[in-house]
């Protein structure tokens, strides 16, 4: 679930493995978390509601990738794993134009150094606004 205010990110929290009984519950929990628990932002206030735009991204089942040649930053999101650490990046993000950029951002999110071996997964997204 992503929240934007005047085109700028205002909150974004989600899950890529189901954690609720159904998609509707998943969306509700992530919407509340995006608006109140994203550590990068103060909680959304009632006075902001008229200025906010919302989008929900539903991810396909992640599939293993054998080679970076199977990735495309415009079409596929990527998950980078090393042990129990994971970083995820959605596809088609402004300013992320290469697979190397995707992987670098995911490594940073997960605290995985450039020297550590990784497993890659890709997924597609259906965006609802």
N, C-alpha and C. Protein backbone atom coordinates (compact mmCIF):
# COMPACT_ATOMS: atom_id res chain seq x y z
N UNK A 1 0.84 -1.17 0.00
CA UNK A 1 0.00 0.00 0.00
C UNK A 1 0.89 1.23 0.00
N UNK A 2 0.67 2.11 -0.97
CA UNK A 2 1.42 3.35 -1.06
C UNK A 2 0.48 4.54 -0.93
N UNK A 3 0.95 5.53 -0.22
CA UNK A 3 0.22 6.78 -0.07
C UNK A 3 1.11 7.90 -0.57
N UNK A 4 0.55 8.74 -1.42
CA UNK A 4 1.30 9.90 -1.92
C UNK A 4 0.52 11.18 -1.62
N UNK A 5 1.29 12.24 -1.41
CA UNK A 5 0.72 13.57 -1.18
C UNK A 5 1.42 14.51 -2.15
N UNK A 6 0.64 15.10 -3.05
CA UNK A 6 1.17 15.98 -4.09
C UNK A 6 2.28 15.29 -4.90
N UNK A 7 2.10 14.01 -5.18
CA UNK A 7 3.04 13.26 -5.98
C UNK A 7 4.24 12.71 -5.23
N UNK A 8 4.39 13.05 -3.96
CA UNK A 8 5.52 12.58 -3.15
C UNK A 8 5.06 11.48 -2.20
N UNK A 9 5.93 10.50 -2.00
CA UNK A 9 5.61 9.41 -1.10
C UNK A 9 5.31 9.94 0.29
N UNK A 10 4.25 9.42 0.89
CA UNK A 10 3.81 9.84 2.23
C UNK A 10 3.78 8.66 3.20
N UNK A 11 3.77 7.43 2.63
CA UNK A 11 3.78 6.22 3.43
C UNK A 11 3.71 5.01 2.52
N UNK A 12 4.40 3.95 2.92
CA UNK A 12 4.39 2.74 2.09
C UNK A 12 4.83 1.55 2.93
N UNK A 13 3.91 0.65 3.16
CA UNK A 13 4.21 -0.59 3.88
C UNK A 13 3.40 -1.70 3.22
N UNK A 14 4.01 -2.85 3.07
CA UNK A 14 3.30 -3.96 2.46
C UNK A 14 3.87 -5.29 2.87
N UNK A 15 3.26 -6.32 2.36
CA UNK A 15 3.70 -7.68 2.59
C UNK A 15 3.82 -8.36 1.24
N UNK A 16 4.79 -9.25 1.09
CA UNK A 16 4.89 -9.97 -0.17
C UNK A 16 4.62 -11.46 0.03
N UNK A 17 4.41 -11.86 1.27
CA UNK A 17 3.94 -13.20 1.58
C UNK A 17 2.65 -12.99 2.36
N UNK A 18 1.56 -13.65 1.97
CA UNK A 18 0.29 -13.44 2.67
C UNK A 18 0.42 -13.65 4.17
N UNK A 19 -0.17 -12.73 4.94
CA UNK A 19 -0.14 -12.85 6.40
C UNK A 19 -1.54 -12.78 7.00
N UNK A 20 -2.55 -12.61 6.17
CA UNK A 20 -3.93 -12.52 6.62
C UNK A 20 -4.80 -13.56 5.91
N UNK A 21 -6.04 -13.66 6.33
CA UNK A 21 -6.94 -14.68 5.78
C UNK A 21 -7.28 -14.46 4.31
N UNK A 22 -7.27 -13.19 3.88
CA UNK A 22 -7.61 -12.91 2.48
C UNK A 22 -7.01 -11.56 2.06
N UNK A 23 -7.09 -11.28 0.78
CA UNK A 23 -6.49 -10.07 0.23
C UNK A 23 -7.10 -8.80 0.83
N UNK A 24 -8.40 -8.79 1.06
CA UNK A 24 -9.06 -7.61 1.63
C UNK A 24 -8.47 -7.27 3.00
N UNK A 25 -8.30 -8.27 3.86
CA UNK A 25 -7.71 -8.03 5.18
C UNK A 25 -6.26 -7.55 5.04
N UNK A 26 -5.53 -8.13 4.10
CA UNK A 26 -4.14 -7.74 3.87
C UNK A 26 -4.06 -6.26 3.50
N UNK A 27 -4.95 -5.82 2.62
CA UNK A 27 -4.97 -4.43 2.17
C UNK A 27 -5.33 -3.49 3.33
N UNK A 28 -6.31 -3.86 4.13
CA UNK A 28 -6.72 -3.02 5.26
C UNK A 28 -5.56 -2.83 6.24
N UNK A 29 -4.92 -3.92 6.63
CA UNK A 29 -3.81 -3.84 7.59
C UNK A 29 -2.66 -3.01 7.02
N UNK A 30 -2.34 -3.23 5.74
CA UNK A 30 -1.24 -2.47 5.13
C UNK A 30 -1.60 -1.00 4.96
N UNK A 31 -2.86 -0.69 4.71
CA UNK A 31 -3.28 0.72 4.60
C UNK A 31 -3.11 1.43 5.94
N UNK A 32 -3.51 0.78 7.01
CA UNK A 32 -3.36 1.37 8.34
C UNK A 32 -1.88 1.55 8.67
N UNK A 33 -1.10 0.52 8.38
CA UNK A 33 0.34 0.60 8.67
C UNK A 33 1.01 1.68 7.84
N UNK A 34 0.65 1.79 6.56
CA UNK A 34 1.25 2.80 5.70
C UNK A 34 0.98 4.21 6.20
N UNK A 35 -0.19 4.41 6.76
CA UNK A 35 -0.57 5.74 7.20
C UNK A 35 -0.13 6.07 8.62
N UNK A 36 0.24 5.05 9.40
CA UNK A 36 0.56 5.31 10.80
C UNK A 36 1.90 4.75 11.28
N UNK A 37 2.48 3.80 10.55
CA UNK A 37 3.66 3.10 11.09
C UNK A 37 4.90 3.14 10.20
N UNK A 38 4.85 3.84 9.06
CA UNK A 38 6.05 3.94 8.23
C UNK A 38 7.03 4.82 8.99
N UNK A 39 8.19 4.26 9.38
CA UNK A 39 9.11 5.03 10.22
C UNK A 39 9.74 6.24 9.54
N UNK A 40 9.58 6.35 8.24
CA UNK A 40 10.15 7.50 7.51
C UNK A 40 9.28 8.73 7.62
N UNK A 41 8.03 8.57 8.07
CA UNK A 41 7.08 9.68 8.06
C UNK A 41 6.31 9.74 9.37
N UNK A 42 5.84 10.95 9.69
CA UNK A 42 4.90 11.11 10.81
C UNK A 42 3.57 10.50 10.39
N UNK A 43 2.77 10.05 11.34
CA UNK A 43 1.46 9.50 10.98
C UNK A 43 0.61 10.52 10.20
N UNK A 44 -0.18 10.01 9.29
CA UNK A 44 -1.09 10.85 8.51
C UNK A 44 -2.10 11.49 9.46
N UNK A 45 -2.39 12.75 9.19
CA UNK A 45 -3.38 13.46 10.00
C UNK A 45 -4.67 13.65 9.21
N UNK A 46 -5.78 13.80 9.91
CA UNK A 46 -7.08 13.96 9.26
C UNK A 46 -7.09 15.14 8.30
N UNK A 47 -6.36 16.18 8.61
CA UNK A 47 -6.34 17.38 7.75
C UNK A 47 -5.70 17.10 6.38
N UNK A 48 -4.97 16.01 6.24
CA UNK A 48 -4.29 15.68 4.98
C UNK A 48 -5.14 14.82 4.04
N UNK A 49 -6.18 14.23 4.53
CA UNK A 49 -6.89 13.19 3.79
C UNK A 49 -7.33 13.61 2.39
N UNK A 50 -7.78 14.83 2.22
CA UNK A 50 -8.23 15.28 0.89
C UNK A 50 -7.10 15.39 -0.12
N UNK A 51 -5.86 15.44 0.34
CA UNK A 51 -4.70 15.61 -0.54
C UNK A 51 -4.01 14.30 -0.89
N UNK A 52 -4.48 13.19 -0.36
CA UNK A 52 -3.76 11.93 -0.51
C UNK A 52 -4.27 11.10 -1.68
N UNK A 53 -3.33 10.38 -2.30
CA UNK A 53 -3.64 9.41 -3.35
C UNK A 53 -3.15 8.05 -2.86
N UNK A 54 -3.91 7.02 -3.18
CA UNK A 54 -3.61 5.68 -2.68
C UNK A 54 -3.43 4.71 -3.84
N UNK A 55 -2.50 3.78 -3.67
CA UNK A 55 -2.38 2.70 -4.64
C UNK A 55 -2.05 1.40 -3.91
N UNK A 56 -2.57 0.32 -4.46
CA UNK A 56 -2.33 -1.01 -3.92
C UNK A 56 -1.68 -1.83 -5.02
N UNK A 57 -0.55 -2.43 -4.70
CA UNK A 57 0.14 -3.31 -5.63
C UNK A 57 -0.05 -4.75 -5.17
N UNK A 58 -0.59 -5.57 -6.06
CA UNK A 58 -0.75 -6.99 -5.76
C UNK A 58 0.32 -7.73 -6.54
N UNK A 59 1.15 -8.46 -5.81
CA UNK A 59 2.30 -9.13 -6.40
C UNK A 59 1.96 -10.56 -6.82
N UNK A 60 2.56 -11.00 -7.93
CA UNK A 60 2.46 -12.40 -8.30
C UNK A 60 3.38 -13.20 -7.38
N UNK A 61 3.22 -14.50 -7.42
CA UNK A 61 4.09 -15.38 -6.64
C UNK A 61 5.54 -15.19 -7.11
N UNK A 62 6.46 -14.88 -6.20
CA UNK A 62 7.86 -14.74 -6.62
C UNK A 62 8.41 -16.04 -7.20
N UNK A 63 9.23 -15.89 -8.24
CA UNK A 63 9.84 -17.07 -8.85
C UNK A 63 11.35 -16.91 -8.85
N UNK A 64 12.08 -18.02 -8.63
CA UNK A 64 13.54 -17.94 -8.62
C UNK A 64 14.09 -17.49 -9.96
N UNK A 65 15.21 -16.78 -9.90
CA UNK A 65 15.88 -16.30 -11.10
C UNK A 65 17.29 -16.90 -11.11
N UNK A 66 17.68 -17.47 -12.22
CA UNK A 66 19.01 -18.08 -12.33
C UNK A 66 20.07 -17.08 -12.78
N UNK A 67 19.62 -16.03 -13.49
CA UNK A 67 20.56 -15.07 -14.05
C UNK A 67 19.92 -13.68 -14.06
N UNK A 68 20.74 -12.65 -13.91
CA UNK A 68 20.23 -11.28 -13.97
C UNK A 68 19.64 -10.97 -15.35
N UNK A 69 19.99 -11.79 -16.36
CA UNK A 69 19.41 -11.61 -17.69
C UNK A 69 17.90 -11.85 -17.70
N UNK A 70 17.39 -12.51 -16.66
CA UNK A 70 15.96 -12.78 -16.56
C UNK A 70 15.20 -11.63 -15.87
N UNK A 71 15.91 -10.58 -15.51
CA UNK A 71 15.29 -9.44 -14.83
C UNK A 71 15.13 -8.27 -15.79
N UNK A 72 14.15 -7.44 -15.50
CA UNK A 72 13.88 -6.22 -16.25
C UNK A 72 13.26 -5.24 -15.27
N UNK A 73 13.96 -4.14 -14.91
CA UNK A 73 13.46 -3.24 -13.87
C UNK A 73 12.13 -2.58 -14.19
N UNK A 74 11.74 -2.54 -15.44
CA UNK A 74 10.45 -1.95 -15.80
C UNK A 74 9.31 -2.96 -15.65
N UNK A 75 9.61 -4.24 -15.86
CA UNK A 75 8.57 -5.29 -15.83
C UNK A 75 8.52 -6.05 -14.51
N UNK A 76 9.69 -6.36 -13.94
CA UNK A 76 9.75 -7.22 -12.76
C UNK A 76 10.25 -6.49 -11.53
N UNK A 77 9.63 -6.78 -10.40
CA UNK A 77 10.21 -6.43 -9.12
C UNK A 77 11.21 -7.51 -8.77
N UNK A 78 12.04 -7.24 -7.77
CA UNK A 78 13.08 -8.20 -7.42
C UNK A 78 13.16 -8.35 -5.90
N UNK A 79 13.47 -9.58 -5.50
CA UNK A 79 13.75 -9.89 -4.10
C UNK A 79 15.17 -10.44 -4.07
N UNK A 80 15.98 -9.89 -3.18
CA UNK A 80 17.35 -10.33 -2.99
C UNK A 80 17.43 -10.98 -1.61
N UNK A 81 17.96 -12.20 -1.55
CA UNK A 81 18.05 -12.93 -0.29
C UNK A 81 19.48 -13.39 -0.02
N UNK A 82 19.83 -13.33 1.26
CA UNK A 82 21.07 -13.91 1.75
C UNK A 82 20.76 -14.42 3.15
N UNK A 83 20.66 -15.72 3.29
CA UNK A 83 20.24 -16.27 4.58
C UNK A 83 18.82 -15.82 4.89
N UNK A 84 18.65 -15.23 6.08
CA UNK A 84 17.32 -14.76 6.49
C UNK A 84 17.07 -13.30 6.12
N UNK A 85 18.04 -12.65 5.53
CA UNK A 85 17.87 -11.24 5.15
C UNK A 85 17.29 -11.15 3.74
N UNK A 86 16.32 -10.24 3.59
CA UNK A 86 15.67 -10.06 2.30
C UNK A 86 15.42 -8.58 2.03
N UNK A 87 15.63 -8.21 0.79
CA UNK A 87 15.27 -6.87 0.34
C UNK A 87 14.39 -6.99 -0.89
N UNK A 88 13.37 -6.16 -0.97
CA UNK A 88 12.41 -6.20 -2.07
C UNK A 88 12.31 -4.82 -2.69
N UNK A 89 12.19 -4.78 -4.01
CA UNK A 89 11.96 -3.53 -4.72
C UNK A 89 10.92 -3.76 -5.79
N UNK A 90 9.94 -2.89 -5.85
CA UNK A 90 8.88 -2.98 -6.85
C UNK A 90 9.43 -2.62 -8.23
N UNK A 91 8.74 -3.04 -9.28
CA UNK A 91 9.18 -2.69 -10.63
C UNK A 91 8.76 -1.28 -11.03
N UNK A 92 9.37 -0.80 -12.08
CA UNK A 92 8.98 0.44 -12.75
C UNK A 92 8.94 1.63 -11.80
N UNK A 93 10.02 1.78 -11.02
CA UNK A 93 10.13 2.91 -10.12
C UNK A 93 10.94 4.02 -10.77
N UNK A 94 10.49 5.25 -10.59
CA UNK A 94 11.20 6.40 -11.14
C UNK A 94 12.62 6.44 -10.58
N UNK A 95 13.60 6.59 -11.47
CA UNK A 95 14.99 6.69 -11.07
C UNK A 95 15.71 5.36 -10.95
N UNK A 96 14.99 4.26 -11.11
CA UNK A 96 15.62 2.93 -11.08
C UNK A 96 15.50 2.36 -12.48
N UNK A 97 16.60 2.44 -13.22
CA UNK A 97 16.55 2.10 -14.64
C UNK A 97 17.31 0.83 -15.02
N UNK A 98 18.11 0.29 -14.10
CA UNK A 98 18.90 -0.90 -14.43
C UNK A 98 18.71 -1.98 -13.38
N UNK A 99 19.00 -3.21 -13.79
CA UNK A 99 18.95 -4.35 -12.88
C UNK A 99 19.97 -4.15 -11.76
N UNK A 100 21.15 -3.65 -12.10
CA UNK A 100 22.18 -3.43 -11.08
C UNK A 100 21.69 -2.46 -10.00
N UNK A 101 20.96 -1.42 -10.41
CA UNK A 101 20.41 -0.47 -9.43
C UNK A 101 19.38 -1.17 -8.54
N UNK A 102 18.53 -1.99 -9.14
CA UNK A 102 17.54 -2.73 -8.36
C UNK A 102 18.22 -3.58 -7.29
N UNK A 103 19.21 -4.34 -7.72
CA UNK A 103 19.89 -5.26 -6.81
C UNK A 103 20.63 -4.49 -5.72
N UNK A 104 21.29 -3.40 -6.08
CA UNK A 104 22.01 -2.58 -5.11
C UNK A 104 21.06 -2.02 -4.04
N UNK A 105 19.91 -1.53 -4.45
CA UNK A 105 18.92 -0.99 -3.50
C UNK A 105 18.41 -2.10 -2.59
N UNK A 106 18.12 -3.27 -3.16
CA UNK A 106 17.64 -4.40 -2.36
C UNK A 106 18.70 -4.85 -1.35
N UNK A 107 19.95 -4.92 -1.78
CA UNK A 107 21.03 -5.28 -0.87
C UNK A 107 21.08 -4.31 0.30
N UNK A 108 21.00 -3.02 -0.01
CA UNK A 108 21.07 -1.99 1.05
C UNK A 108 19.89 -2.13 2.01
N UNK A 109 18.69 -2.35 1.48
CA UNK A 109 17.51 -2.50 2.33
C UNK A 109 17.65 -3.67 3.29
N UNK A 110 18.30 -4.75 2.82
CA UNK A 110 18.42 -5.97 3.62
C UNK A 110 19.71 -6.03 4.43
N UNK A 111 20.61 -5.07 4.23
CA UNK A 111 21.89 -5.11 4.92
C UNK A 111 22.81 -6.20 4.40
N UNK A 112 22.74 -6.45 3.10
CA UNK A 112 23.57 -7.47 2.45
C UNK A 112 24.69 -6.74 1.70
N UNK A 113 25.92 -7.07 2.03
CA UNK A 113 27.04 -6.40 1.37
C UNK A 113 27.20 -6.89 -0.06
N UNK A 114 27.94 -6.12 -0.85
CA UNK A 114 28.16 -6.45 -2.26
C UNK A 114 28.96 -7.74 -2.42
N UNK A 115 29.70 -8.14 -1.41
CA UNK A 115 30.54 -9.34 -1.49
C UNK A 115 29.77 -10.62 -1.14
N UNK A 116 28.63 -10.48 -0.48
CA UNK A 116 27.89 -11.67 -0.04
C UNK A 116 27.11 -12.29 -1.20
N UNK A 117 27.06 -13.62 -1.25
CA UNK A 117 26.28 -14.28 -2.30
C UNK A 117 24.78 -14.07 -2.06
N UNK A 118 24.04 -13.99 -3.15
CA UNK A 118 22.60 -13.75 -3.04
C UNK A 118 21.81 -14.72 -3.91
N UNK A 119 20.56 -14.90 -3.52
CA UNK A 119 19.57 -15.57 -4.35
C UNK A 119 18.61 -14.49 -4.83
N UNK A 120 18.17 -14.62 -6.07
CA UNK A 120 17.26 -13.64 -6.67
C UNK A 120 15.92 -14.27 -6.99
N UNK A 121 14.87 -13.49 -6.79
CA UNK A 121 13.52 -13.86 -7.20
C UNK A 121 12.92 -12.65 -7.93
N UNK A 122 12.03 -12.93 -8.85
CA UNK A 122 11.33 -11.84 -9.54
C UNK A 122 9.82 -12.04 -9.39
N UNK A 123 9.11 -10.94 -9.57
CA UNK A 123 7.65 -10.98 -9.51
C UNK A 123 7.11 -9.85 -10.38
N UNK A 124 5.84 -9.96 -10.72
CA UNK A 124 5.16 -8.88 -11.43
C UNK A 124 4.13 -8.26 -10.50
N UNK A 125 3.65 -7.10 -10.88
CA UNK A 125 2.74 -6.34 -10.03
C UNK A 125 1.53 -5.89 -10.82
N UNK A 126 0.38 -6.01 -10.20
CA UNK A 126 -0.85 -5.39 -10.73
C UNK A 126 -1.16 -4.24 -9.79
N UNK A 127 -1.15 -3.01 -10.33
CA UNK A 127 -1.34 -1.80 -9.52
C UNK A 127 -2.78 -1.31 -9.62
N UNK A 128 -3.37 -1.05 -8.46
CA UNK A 128 -4.73 -0.51 -8.36
C UNK A 128 -4.66 0.87 -7.70
N UNK A 129 -5.30 1.85 -8.33
CA UNK A 129 -5.30 3.21 -7.76
C UNK A 129 -6.70 3.66 -7.49
